[in-house]
N, C-alpha and C. Protein backbone atom coordinates (compact mmCIF):
# COMPACT_ATOMS: atom_id res chain seq x y z
N MET A 1 -72.21 -53.05 28.48
CA MET A 1 -73.85 -53.37 29.44
C MET A 1 -73.95 -55.67 28.20
N LEU A 2 -74.41 -56.44 29.94
CA LEU A 2 -74.60 -57.27 29.44
C LEU A 2 -75.63 -57.82 28.61
N PRO A 3 -75.90 -58.63 28.23
CA PRO A 3 -76.89 -59.33 27.21
C PRO A 3 -78.43 -59.79 28.40
N ALA A 4 -79.43 -59.53 28.01
CA ALA A 4 -80.76 -60.16 29.06
C ALA A 4 -80.47 -61.49 29.56
N ARG A 5 -80.48 -62.27 30.42
CA ARG A 5 -80.55 -63.18 31.16
C ARG A 5 -81.86 -63.62 30.73
N ILE A 6 -82.07 -65.08 29.97
CA ILE A 6 -83.27 -65.63 29.95
C ILE A 6 -83.24 -66.95 30.00
N PRO A 7 -83.76 -67.39 31.33
CA PRO A 7 -83.34 -68.77 32.04
C PRO A 7 -84.48 -69.68 30.78
N SER A 8 -83.74 -70.91 31.03
CA SER A 8 -83.88 -71.96 30.09
C SER A 8 -84.84 -72.81 31.25
N THR A 9 -86.21 -72.67 30.59
CA THR A 9 -87.24 -73.32 31.68
C THR A 9 -87.76 -74.53 31.14
N PRO A 10 -87.88 -75.91 31.99
CA PRO A 10 -88.69 -76.89 30.85
C PRO A 10 -89.66 -76.75 30.66
N THR A 11 -90.52 -77.32 29.46
CA THR A 11 -90.91 -76.99 28.48
C THR A 11 -92.33 -77.29 29.35
N ARG A 12 -93.44 -76.78 28.44
CA ARG A 12 -94.89 -77.58 29.01
C ARG A 12 -95.47 -78.71 28.10
N GLU A 13 -94.72 -78.64 27.01
CA GLU A 13 -95.45 -79.59 25.81
C GLU A 13 -95.31 -80.94 26.02
N VAL A 14 -95.96 -81.68 25.89
CA VAL A 14 -95.71 -83.32 25.53
C VAL A 14 -94.49 -83.30 24.93
N SER A 15 -93.67 -84.10 25.50
CA SER A 15 -92.39 -84.65 25.02
C SER A 15 -92.80 -86.30 24.93
N SER A 16 -91.34 -86.46 24.15
CA SER A 16 -91.31 -87.74 24.00
C SER A 16 -89.83 -88.09 23.55
N GLY A 17 -89.37 -89.77 23.53
CA GLY A 17 -87.81 -89.85 23.68
C GLY A 17 -87.20 -89.50 24.99
N LEU A 18 -85.73 -89.27 24.51
CA LEU A 18 -85.13 -88.56 25.64
C LEU A 18 -85.76 -87.89 26.39
N GLU A 19 -86.49 -87.16 26.66
CA GLU A 19 -87.24 -86.27 26.79
C GLU A 19 -88.49 -86.17 27.59
N GLY A 20 -88.57 -87.50 27.47
CA GLY A 20 -89.95 -87.64 28.38
C GLY A 20 -90.05 -88.02 29.90
N TRP A 21 -88.72 -87.64 30.46
CA TRP A 21 -88.73 -87.95 31.70
C TRP A 21 -89.91 -86.49 32.09
N ARG A 22 -89.59 -85.67 31.45
CA ARG A 22 -90.53 -84.11 32.01
C ARG A 22 -91.69 -84.20 32.43
N ASP A 23 -92.39 -85.29 31.50
CA ASP A 23 -93.99 -85.66 31.68
C ASP A 23 -94.08 -86.02 32.98
N GLY A 24 -93.62 -86.94 33.39
CA GLY A 24 -93.36 -87.05 35.27
C GLY A 24 -93.08 -86.69 36.47
N ALA A 25 -92.45 -85.47 36.07
CA ALA A 25 -92.17 -84.84 36.73
C ALA A 25 -92.48 -84.17 37.66
N ALA A 26 -92.23 -83.86 39.09
CA ALA A 26 -92.78 -83.26 40.51
C ALA A 26 -93.31 -81.85 40.11
N CYS A 27 -92.63 -80.98 39.29
CA CYS A 27 -92.72 -79.69 39.15
C CYS A 27 -93.33 -78.96 37.92
N ARG A 28 -94.01 -80.03 37.03
CA ARG A 28 -94.92 -79.75 35.94
C ARG A 28 -96.39 -78.92 37.07
N GLY A 29 -96.34 -78.03 35.89
CA GLY A 29 -97.96 -77.11 36.85
C GLY A 29 -96.96 -76.24 38.00
N ILE A 30 -95.95 -75.84 38.49
CA ILE A 30 -95.79 -75.41 39.33
C ILE A 30 -95.14 -74.10 38.64
N GLU A 31 -95.10 -73.04 39.57
CA GLU A 31 -94.88 -71.79 38.66
C GLU A 31 -93.11 -72.18 38.70
N PRO A 32 -92.49 -71.32 37.46
CA PRO A 32 -91.54 -71.35 37.34
C PRO A 32 -90.51 -70.96 38.41
N SER A 33 -90.93 -69.68 38.46
CA SER A 33 -90.01 -68.75 39.59
C SER A 33 -90.06 -69.33 40.57
N VAL A 34 -90.56 -70.69 41.06
CA VAL A 34 -90.23 -71.22 42.53
C VAL A 34 -88.49 -71.84 41.68
N PHE A 35 -88.23 -72.34 40.78
CA PHE A 35 -87.08 -73.14 40.57
C PHE A 35 -86.04 -72.28 39.72
N PHE A 36 -86.40 -70.85 39.38
CA PHE A 36 -85.70 -69.66 38.62
C PHE A 36 -85.93 -68.46 39.84
N SER A 37 -84.51 -68.06 40.10
CA SER A 37 -84.70 -66.59 40.89
C SER A 37 -84.76 -65.60 39.51
N PRO A 38 -85.40 -64.61 40.36
CA PRO A 38 -85.15 -63.36 39.50
C PRO A 38 -84.48 -62.37 40.08
N ASP A 39 -84.01 -61.67 39.19
CA ASP A 39 -83.24 -60.68 39.00
C ASP A 39 -82.53 -60.39 40.44
N ASN A 40 -81.39 -60.62 40.87
CA ASN A 40 -81.02 -59.37 41.79
C ASN A 40 -81.20 -60.28 42.86
N GLU A 41 -81.78 -61.32 43.13
CA GLU A 41 -82.73 -61.93 44.39
C GLU A 41 -80.90 -62.64 45.36
N ARG A 42 -81.04 -62.22 46.33
CA ARG A 42 -80.13 -62.86 47.06
C ARG A 42 -80.40 -63.28 48.86
N GLY A 43 -79.29 -63.65 49.37
CA GLY A 43 -79.60 -63.57 50.69
C GLY A 43 -80.91 -64.38 51.23
N THR A 44 -81.89 -64.59 52.31
CA THR A 44 -82.91 -65.09 52.83
C THR A 44 -83.48 -65.89 52.28
N ALA A 45 -84.00 -64.68 50.79
CA ALA A 45 -85.46 -64.62 50.09
C ALA A 45 -84.69 -66.13 48.72
N ARG A 46 -83.84 -65.91 48.93
CA ARG A 46 -83.01 -67.18 47.67
C ARG A 46 -83.28 -67.85 48.20
N GLY A 47 -82.70 -68.41 49.71
CA GLY A 47 -81.96 -69.69 50.25
C GLY A 47 -83.74 -70.02 50.41
N GLN A 48 -84.62 -69.26 50.95
CA GLN A 48 -85.83 -69.86 51.50
C GLN A 48 -86.74 -70.61 49.90
N ARG A 49 -86.44 -69.79 48.66
CA ARG A 49 -87.08 -70.00 47.72
C ARG A 49 -86.07 -71.18 47.12
N GLU A 50 -84.64 -71.61 47.58
CA GLU A 50 -84.53 -73.06 46.63
C GLU A 50 -84.76 -73.95 47.80
N SER A 51 -84.87 -73.92 48.97
CA SER A 51 -85.07 -74.54 50.08
C SER A 51 -87.11 -75.69 49.43
N ARG A 52 -87.16 -74.42 48.82
CA ARG A 52 -89.08 -74.90 48.16
C ARG A 52 -88.97 -75.50 47.37
N ALA A 53 -88.19 -75.27 46.39
CA ALA A 53 -87.59 -76.00 45.23
C ALA A 53 -87.24 -77.54 45.23
N ARG A 54 -86.23 -77.55 46.24
CA ARG A 54 -85.46 -78.69 46.85
C ARG A 54 -86.05 -79.51 47.16
N GLN A 55 -87.47 -79.24 48.36
CA GLN A 55 -88.80 -80.00 48.90
C GLN A 55 -89.42 -80.79 47.56
N ILE A 56 -89.77 -79.63 46.36
CA ILE A 56 -90.43 -80.22 45.56
C ILE A 56 -89.82 -81.37 44.59
N CYS A 57 -88.22 -81.67 44.95
CA CYS A 57 -87.90 -81.95 43.95
C CYS A 57 -87.63 -83.71 44.69
N GLN A 58 -87.39 -83.11 46.02
CA GLN A 58 -86.71 -84.53 46.97
C GLN A 58 -87.43 -85.72 46.55
N ASP A 59 -89.10 -85.80 46.11
CA ASP A 59 -90.13 -87.03 46.14
C ASP A 59 -89.78 -87.11 44.45
N CYS A 60 -88.93 -86.73 43.85
CA CYS A 60 -89.45 -86.27 42.20
C CYS A 60 -89.46 -87.65 41.80
N PRO A 61 -90.37 -88.13 41.06
CA PRO A 61 -89.70 -90.07 40.48
C PRO A 61 -88.43 -89.82 39.45
N VAL A 62 -88.56 -88.24 38.66
CA VAL A 62 -87.64 -88.22 37.82
C VAL A 62 -86.31 -87.56 37.95
N LEU A 63 -86.23 -87.48 39.02
CA LEU A 63 -85.36 -86.69 40.09
C LEU A 63 -83.22 -86.54 39.08
N THR A 64 -83.37 -88.26 39.17
CA THR A 64 -82.04 -88.40 38.80
C THR A 64 -82.30 -88.00 37.12
N GLN A 65 -82.78 -88.22 36.33
CA GLN A 65 -83.35 -87.93 34.76
C GLN A 65 -82.94 -86.54 34.42
N CYS A 66 -83.53 -85.83 35.96
CA CYS A 66 -83.75 -84.19 35.44
C CYS A 66 -82.17 -83.38 35.90
N ARG A 67 -81.47 -84.32 37.10
CA ARG A 67 -80.45 -83.68 37.31
C ARG A 67 -78.84 -83.87 36.31
N GLU A 68 -79.44 -85.45 35.81
CA GLU A 68 -78.43 -85.61 34.56
C GLU A 68 -78.16 -85.18 33.60
N HIS A 69 -79.69 -84.38 33.37
CA HIS A 69 -80.00 -83.52 31.65
C HIS A 69 -79.47 -82.14 32.07
N ALA A 70 -79.09 -81.90 33.49
CA ALA A 70 -78.67 -80.56 33.41
C ALA A 70 -77.26 -80.60 33.97
N LEU A 71 -76.78 -81.33 34.38
CA LEU A 71 -75.50 -81.49 34.02
C LEU A 71 -75.03 -81.76 33.20
N ALA A 72 -75.55 -82.65 32.34
CA ALA A 72 -74.96 -83.10 30.47
C ALA A 72 -75.11 -81.80 30.13
N VAL A 73 -76.05 -80.81 29.64
CA VAL A 73 -76.40 -79.86 29.23
C VAL A 73 -75.99 -78.22 29.84
N GLY A 74 -74.72 -78.76 30.58
CA GLY A 74 -74.93 -77.37 31.73
C GLY A 74 -75.55 -76.29 31.93
N GLU A 75 -76.83 -76.79 32.29
CA GLU A 75 -78.00 -75.89 33.24
C GLU A 75 -77.72 -74.14 33.35
N PRO A 76 -77.70 -73.56 33.22
CA PRO A 76 -76.98 -72.12 33.75
C PRO A 76 -77.52 -71.91 34.81
N TYR A 77 -79.10 -72.10 34.54
CA TYR A 77 -79.96 -71.42 35.37
C TYR A 77 -80.79 -71.92 36.63
N GLY A 78 -80.97 -72.14 37.52
CA GLY A 78 -82.26 -72.56 38.00
C GLY A 78 -82.05 -73.84 38.75
N ILE A 79 -83.12 -74.23 39.38
CA ILE A 79 -82.82 -75.32 40.43
C ILE A 79 -82.99 -76.87 39.40
N TRP A 80 -82.12 -78.04 39.20
CA TRP A 80 -82.76 -78.85 38.25
C TRP A 80 -82.27 -80.29 38.99
N GLY A 81 -83.56 -80.97 39.09
CA GLY A 81 -83.10 -82.00 40.06
C GLY A 81 -82.83 -82.09 41.48
N GLY A 82 -83.01 -81.06 42.40
CA GLY A 82 -82.61 -80.84 43.12
C GLY A 82 -80.89 -79.98 43.60
N MET A 83 -80.75 -79.68 42.18
CA MET A 83 -79.21 -78.97 42.09
C MET A 83 -79.41 -77.68 42.35
N THR A 84 -79.31 -75.97 42.49
CA THR A 84 -78.99 -75.02 42.32
C THR A 84 -77.52 -74.64 41.19
N GLU A 85 -77.20 -73.91 40.81
CA GLU A 85 -76.32 -73.37 40.02
C GLU A 85 -75.11 -73.80 40.35
N THR A 86 -74.99 -73.24 41.92
CA THR A 86 -73.54 -73.17 42.75
C THR A 86 -73.61 -74.84 42.84
N ASP A 87 -74.35 -75.79 43.04
CA ASP A 87 -74.13 -77.21 43.62
C ASP A 87 -73.27 -77.85 42.21
N ARG A 88 -74.19 -77.00 40.64
CA ARG A 88 -73.66 -77.63 39.87
C ARG A 88 -72.63 -77.92 38.90
N ARG A 89 -71.94 -75.89 39.63
CA ARG A 89 -71.21 -75.92 39.19
C ARG A 89 -69.72 -76.20 40.47
N ARG A 90 -70.17 -76.80 41.06
CA ARG A 90 -68.96 -77.89 42.18
C ARG A 90 -68.96 -78.88 41.70
N HIS A 91 -70.18 -80.01 41.33
CA HIS A 91 -70.03 -80.50 41.03
C HIS A 91 -69.13 -80.73 39.59
N THR A 92 -69.61 -80.16 38.84
CA THR A 92 -68.49 -80.07 37.44
C THR A 92 -66.67 -80.00 37.57
N ASN A 93 -66.65 -78.89 38.54
CA ASN A 93 -65.66 -78.58 38.69
C ASN A 93 -64.55 -79.90 39.78
N ARG A 94 -65.12 -80.56 40.42
CA ARG A 94 -65.21 -81.96 41.09
C ARG A 94 -64.77 -82.55 40.13
N ALA A 95 -65.69 -82.88 39.51
CA ALA A 95 -65.47 -83.99 37.89
C ALA A 95 -64.47 -83.52 37.38
N ARG A 96 -64.02 -82.19 36.90
CA ARG A 96 -62.61 -82.19 36.26
C ARG A 96 -61.68 -82.41 37.23
N ARG A 97 -61.43 -82.36 37.96
CA ARG A 97 -60.38 -82.67 39.07
C ARG A 97 -60.27 -84.39 39.07
N GLY A 98 -61.16 -84.85 38.75
CA GLY A 98 -61.13 -86.10 38.89
C GLY A 98 -61.78 -87.08 40.45
N GLU A 99 -62.24 -85.88 40.89
CA GLU A 99 -63.00 -86.47 42.35
C GLU A 99 -64.36 -87.33 41.99
N GLN A 100 -64.77 -87.98 42.59
CA GLN A 100 -66.00 -88.50 42.09
C GLN A 100 -66.60 -88.29 43.63
N ARG A 101 -67.67 -88.40 43.95
CA ARG A 101 -68.72 -87.95 45.04
C ARG A 101 -70.29 -88.63 44.21
N PRO A 102 -70.79 -89.29 45.38
CA PRO A 102 -72.05 -88.93 45.04
C PRO A 102 -73.17 -87.84 45.27
N LEU A 103 -73.98 -88.56 43.98
CA LEU A 103 -74.88 -87.05 44.08
C LEU A 103 -76.30 -87.31 44.81
N VAL A 104 -75.76 -86.95 45.72
CA VAL A 104 -77.03 -87.21 47.32
C VAL A 104 -78.18 -85.69 47.47
N PRO A 105 -79.29 -85.77 46.83
CA PRO A 105 -79.82 -84.45 46.84
C PRO A 105 -79.65 -83.81 48.31
N ARG A 106 -79.53 -82.53 47.70
CA ARG A 106 -79.67 -82.02 49.61
C ARG A 106 -80.76 -81.28 49.65
N GLN A 107 -81.30 -81.76 50.83
CA GLN A 107 -83.09 -81.41 51.46
C GLN A 107 -82.79 -79.69 52.63
N ALA A 108 -83.97 -79.96 51.43
CA ALA A 108 -84.60 -78.23 53.07
C ALA A 108 -84.84 -79.56 54.14
N THR A 109 -83.93 -78.27 55.11
CA THR A 109 -84.42 -78.81 56.81
C THR A 109 -85.91 -78.48 57.10
N GLN A 110 -85.67 -79.33 58.46
CA GLN A 110 -87.81 -79.45 58.49
C GLN A 110 -87.82 -78.07 58.92
N ALA A 111 -87.25 -77.37 59.18
CA ALA A 111 -87.94 -75.93 60.18
C ALA A 111 -87.72 -75.20 58.75
N THR A 112 -87.34 -75.20 57.84
CA THR A 112 -87.53 -74.01 56.58
C THR A 112 -88.54 -75.12 56.09
N ALA A 113 -88.53 -75.91 55.73
CA ALA A 113 -90.00 -77.01 55.17
C ALA A 113 -91.07 -76.57 56.18
N ASP A 114 -91.29 -76.09 57.39
CA ASP A 114 -92.22 -75.44 58.05
C ASP A 114 -92.84 -74.54 57.87
N ALA A 115 -91.18 -74.21 57.99
CA ALA A 115 -91.76 -72.12 57.60
C ALA A 115 -93.12 -71.86 56.29
N LEU A 116 -92.26 -72.71 55.23
CA LEU A 116 -92.48 -72.12 54.21
C LEU A 116 -93.99 -73.05 54.30
N HIS A 117 -94.44 -73.55 54.75
CA HIS A 117 -95.44 -74.64 54.83
C HIS A 117 -95.89 -76.09 54.17
N LEU A 118 -94.49 -76.40 54.06
CA LEU A 118 -94.22 -77.48 52.72
C LEU A 118 -94.72 -78.78 53.11
N SER A 119 -94.51 -79.24 54.47
CA SER A 119 -94.51 -80.40 54.73
C SER A 119 -96.13 -80.84 54.55
N SER A 120 -96.78 -79.59 54.94
CA SER A 120 -98.24 -80.37 54.57
C SER A 120 -98.84 -80.09 53.19
N ALA A 121 -97.96 -79.37 52.26
CA ALA A 121 -98.64 -79.24 51.09
C ALA A 121 -98.48 -80.12 50.20
N ARG A 122 -98.19 -80.99 50.52
CA ARG A 122 -98.01 -82.55 49.79
C ARG A 122 -99.78 -82.92 49.93
């Protein structure tokens, strides 16, 4: 039997020092389930949730710090800095091979944003 999966979610407490970037995150106050998938989520549901999370991350003032944190500590779950678990795994594998690609956030398509009513939710 596999151990229960416990996602590491951003803390809600006021932090200082190196973790102080979290205070300015666009995701503060948003339900964590937008950024962390429930067990067995697949297909369209997962894609829509990830698109919504990326849309939130897109204009976040601390996107770079969030992404760097996730890559540095090897966050195994969730959307961090606009990157999914798969995005981070691919980036790490490329870095190990010596490839250097810019970290450009993937954006939700306008059709997905419209379907999720994200473009008017700001």
